[in-house]
Each structure stands twice: as C-alpha cells, then as structure tokens.
C-alpha cells in the first residue's frame, strides 16, 4: 500500500498553502495498492514533534471507501467521516509549528471493517478502535517550518 501527494515528495517540504500560514487546506493525496480485503480506510495526520507526551493530530478521517484512490485538495471523500483534530475542530488543520521544523506524518490505514464511531471522534478514539483491525499501513512524511512567527 502506498500514499503519495503531488504537492510534496516523501520527506519533502509541505507547501505553505497547506499550512496555517497559507490557505490551511488539505493537500491532494493518492492511494495505491489498497488490499483487496479492506473494508474501509482511515487517515490520520500527526505531528510527532509537538510539545507534550503525544503527537498533535491535524486531521482524522475514517470510513473512507476502500475503492478510493485519491483525496482532492480541500476535500473529503463522500462516504468518509471526519473526526476532531487537536485544534478542537472537525476537518483539516494544517501544519503550524510554534518553532523550528516539525515533521508531519500522513498515515493511511487499510482496515478489515468500518469503524462504528461518530463524527468528531478524536484520533485517540480512532487509534484505539482500529487496534486489531489493521490490514496494512502506509505513510507519507513531510516537513514544515514557519518563515515568520509574526503573522
């Protein structure tokens, strides 16, 4: 299984337009080689460099149709449910590091069943629920550092 983006390469710089300094919209994503027996997909975007004991979650999307092969910029697949990010909102919240360069991990999960969670579920709830149901994972990693903290 593979997740890529036309906006940035693996371990590359995430363009400003997909961050809090730009349009704060999700980048386009492509999925390949989804397992044939997948019943749903989940996508979690995290920042492991965030201050604290856990990653900061920027986007939580689950119950994505396993036939989905891409997510367009600034969109969510029709059947998908968005959870609540650590900004306290539903939807995508782009990279916005308080200092330095942070890494952002777009993790795609192929699951053996849909998740029985409601809109607004947290990343922790999704991660706990998918335990034991993960068929395969794929990661796309990017980095971002703010040019100016005075915006």
Protein backbone atom coordinates (compact mmCIF):
# COMPACT_ATOMS: atom_id res chain seq x y z
CA UNK A 1 0.00 0.00 0.00
CA UNK A 2 1.25 3.50 -0.78
CA UNK A 3 0.21 7.11 -0.08
CA UNK A 4 1.71 10.00 -2.09
CA UNK A 5 0.97 13.62 -2.93
CA UNK A 6 1.58 15.75 -5.99
CA UNK A 7 2.13 18.69 -3.60
CA UNK A 8 5.28 17.37 -1.90
CA UNK A 9 7.61 14.38 -2.03
CA UNK A 10 8.35 11.89 0.74
CA UNK A 11 10.24 13.80 3.48
CA UNK A 12 9.88 17.00 1.44
CA UNK A 13 8.71 20.46 2.42
CA UNK A 14 4.96 20.88 2.69
CA UNK A 15 3.97 23.95 0.64
CA UNK A 16 2.77 26.94 2.65
CA UNK A 17 -0.71 26.85 1.08
CA UNK A 18 -1.45 23.64 3.05
CA UNK A 19 -0.49 25.23 6.38
CA UNK A 20 -1.86 27.80 8.83
CA UNK A 21 0.33 30.38 7.07
CA UNK A 22 -1.45 29.76 3.77
CA UNK A 23 -4.91 28.52 2.82
CA UNK A 24 -4.92 25.80 5.51
CA UNK A 25 -6.38 23.22 3.15
CA UNK A 26 -5.51 19.55 2.88
CA UNK A 27 -3.05 18.63 0.13
CA UNK A 28 -4.07 16.27 -2.67
CA UNK A 29 -3.34 12.64 -1.80
CA UNK A 30 -3.15 9.48 -3.90
CA UNK A 31 -3.56 5.91 -2.65
CA UNK A 32 -2.19 2.80 -4.38
CA UNK A 33 -2.27 -0.94 -3.80
CA UNK A 34 -5.08 -0.98 -1.25
CA UNK A 35 -5.56 -4.58 -0.05
CA UNK A 36 -8.47 -6.30 -1.82
CA UNK A 37 -9.94 -7.40 1.51
CA UNK A 38 -10.02 -3.88 3.01
CA UNK A 39 -13.48 -2.90 4.23
CA UNK A 40 -12.57 0.74 4.95
CA UNK A 41 -9.67 3.18 5.14
CA UNK A 42 -8.68 5.67 7.82
CA UNK A 43 -6.28 8.60 7.53
CA UNK A 44 -4.60 10.34 10.46
CA UNK A 45 -2.21 13.28 10.10
CA UNK A 46 0.06 13.76 13.09
CA UNK A 47 2.96 15.91 14.27
CA UNK A 48 5.25 13.80 16.48
CA UNK A 49 7.42 16.86 17.25
CA UNK A 50 4.66 18.65 19.15
CA UNK A 51 5.34 19.63 22.73
CA UNK A 52 3.90 17.07 25.10
CA UNK A 53 3.78 13.35 25.54
CA UNK A 54 1.71 12.57 22.46
CA UNK A 55 1.63 13.64 18.83
CA UNK A 56 -0.54 16.59 17.82
CA UNK A 57 -3.28 15.39 15.47
CA UNK A 58 -4.06 17.61 12.47
CA UNK A 59 -6.64 15.53 10.61
CA UNK A 60 -8.71 12.45 11.39
CA UNK A 61 -10.76 10.84 8.60
CA UNK A 62 -12.30 7.38 8.77
CA UNK A 63 -14.74 5.08 6.98
CA UNK A 64 -13.21 6.07 3.66
CA UNK A 65 -14.46 3.74 0.92
CA UNK A 66 -11.61 1.29 0.20
CA UNK A 67 -12.07 1.86 -3.53
CA UNK A 68 -10.96 5.47 -3.02
CA UNK A 69 -7.70 6.09 -4.84
CA UNK A 70 -7.27 9.78 -4.05
CA UNK A 71 -8.42 12.74 -1.98
CA UNK A 72 -8.53 16.02 -3.84
CA UNK A 73 -7.13 19.22 -2.39
CA UNK A 74 -9.50 20.83 0.13
CA UNK A 75 -11.93 17.92 0.11
CA UNK A 76 -13.07 14.80 1.92
CA UNK A 77 -14.29 11.61 0.22
CA UNK A 78 -18.09 11.45 0.06
CA UNK A 79 -18.54 8.46 2.39
CA UNK A 80 -15.87 9.47 4.89
CA UNK A 81 -16.41 10.78 8.40
CA UNK A 82 -14.13 13.44 9.85
CA UNK A 83 -13.03 13.32 13.43
CA UNK A 84 -11.93 16.17 15.68
CA UNK A 85 -8.36 17.38 15.36
CA UNK A 86 -6.27 18.68 18.26
CA UNK A 87 -7.19 22.25 17.33
CA UNK A 88 -10.61 21.19 18.69
CA UNK A 89 -12.33 21.34 15.29
CA UNK A 90 -13.54 18.91 12.68
CA UNK A 91 -11.66 18.82 9.43
CA UNK A 92 -8.09 19.52 8.44
CA UNK A 93 -5.83 21.82 10.42
CA UNK A 94 -2.58 22.38 8.61
CA UNK A 95 0.95 22.46 9.95
CA UNK A 96 1.50 25.41 12.30
CA UNK A 97 4.62 24.71 14.37
CA UNK A 98 5.29 27.20 17.16
CA UNK A 99 9.03 27.00 16.47
CA UNK A 100 11.57 25.09 14.42
CA UNK A 101 10.92 22.44 11.80
CA UNK A 102 8.26 19.85 12.53
CA UNK A 103 7.57 16.55 10.79
CA UNK A 104 4.05 15.66 9.65
CA UNK A 105 3.02 12.07 9.08
CA UNK A 106 0.04 11.22 6.86
CA UNK A 107 -0.77 7.63 7.90
CA UNK A 108 -3.21 5.62 5.81
CA UNK A 109 -4.74 2.52 7.40
CA UNK A 110 -6.46 -0.30 5.49
CA UNK A 111 -8.98 -1.88 7.88
CA UNK A 112 -10.93 -5.13 7.91
CA UNK A 113 -14.15 -3.36 8.97
CA UNK A 114 -15.75 0.07 9.07
CA UNK A 115 -15.50 2.00 12.34
CA UNK A 116 -18.59 2.48 14.46
CA UNK A 117 -17.63 5.93 15.66
CA UNK A 118 -19.44 9.25 15.33
CA UNK A 119 -18.38 12.38 13.52
CA UNK A 120 -16.00 14.27 15.79
CA UNK A 121 -14.23 11.19 17.20
CA UNK A 122 -10.71 12.00 18.36
CA UNK A 123 -7.57 10.48 16.89
CA UNK A 124 -7.08 8.58 20.15
CA UNK A 125 -10.56 7.06 19.83
CA UNK A 126 -9.90 6.06 16.22
CA UNK A 127 -6.49 4.58 17.07
CA UNK A 128 -7.96 2.59 19.95
CA UNK A 129 -10.85 1.33 17.79
CA UNK A 130 -8.68 0.24 14.84
CA UNK A 131 -6.43 -1.85 17.07
CA UNK A 132 -6.68 -5.44 15.87
CA UNK A 133 -8.36 -4.38 12.59
CA UNK A 134 -5.36 -3.02 10.65
CA UNK A 135 -4.57 -4.95 7.46
CA UNK A 136 -1.82 -2.63 6.26
CA UNK A 137 -0.47 0.90 6.73
CA UNK A 138 1.37 3.42 4.57
CA UNK A 139 2.98 6.73 5.48
CA UNK A 140 3.77 9.96 3.71
CA UNK A 141 6.05 12.27 5.65
CA UNK A 142 6.59 15.97 5.12
CA UNK A 143 8.24 18.82 6.99
CA UNK A 144 7.34 22.44 7.62
CA UNK A 145 8.86 25.41 9.42
CA UNK A 146 7.33 28.85 9.59
CA UNK A 147 9.21 31.66 7.90
CA UNK A 148 7.80 34.33 10.19
CA UNK A 149 6.15 33.99 13.55
CA UNK A 150 4.67 37.49 13.26
CA UNK A 151 1.70 36.56 11.06
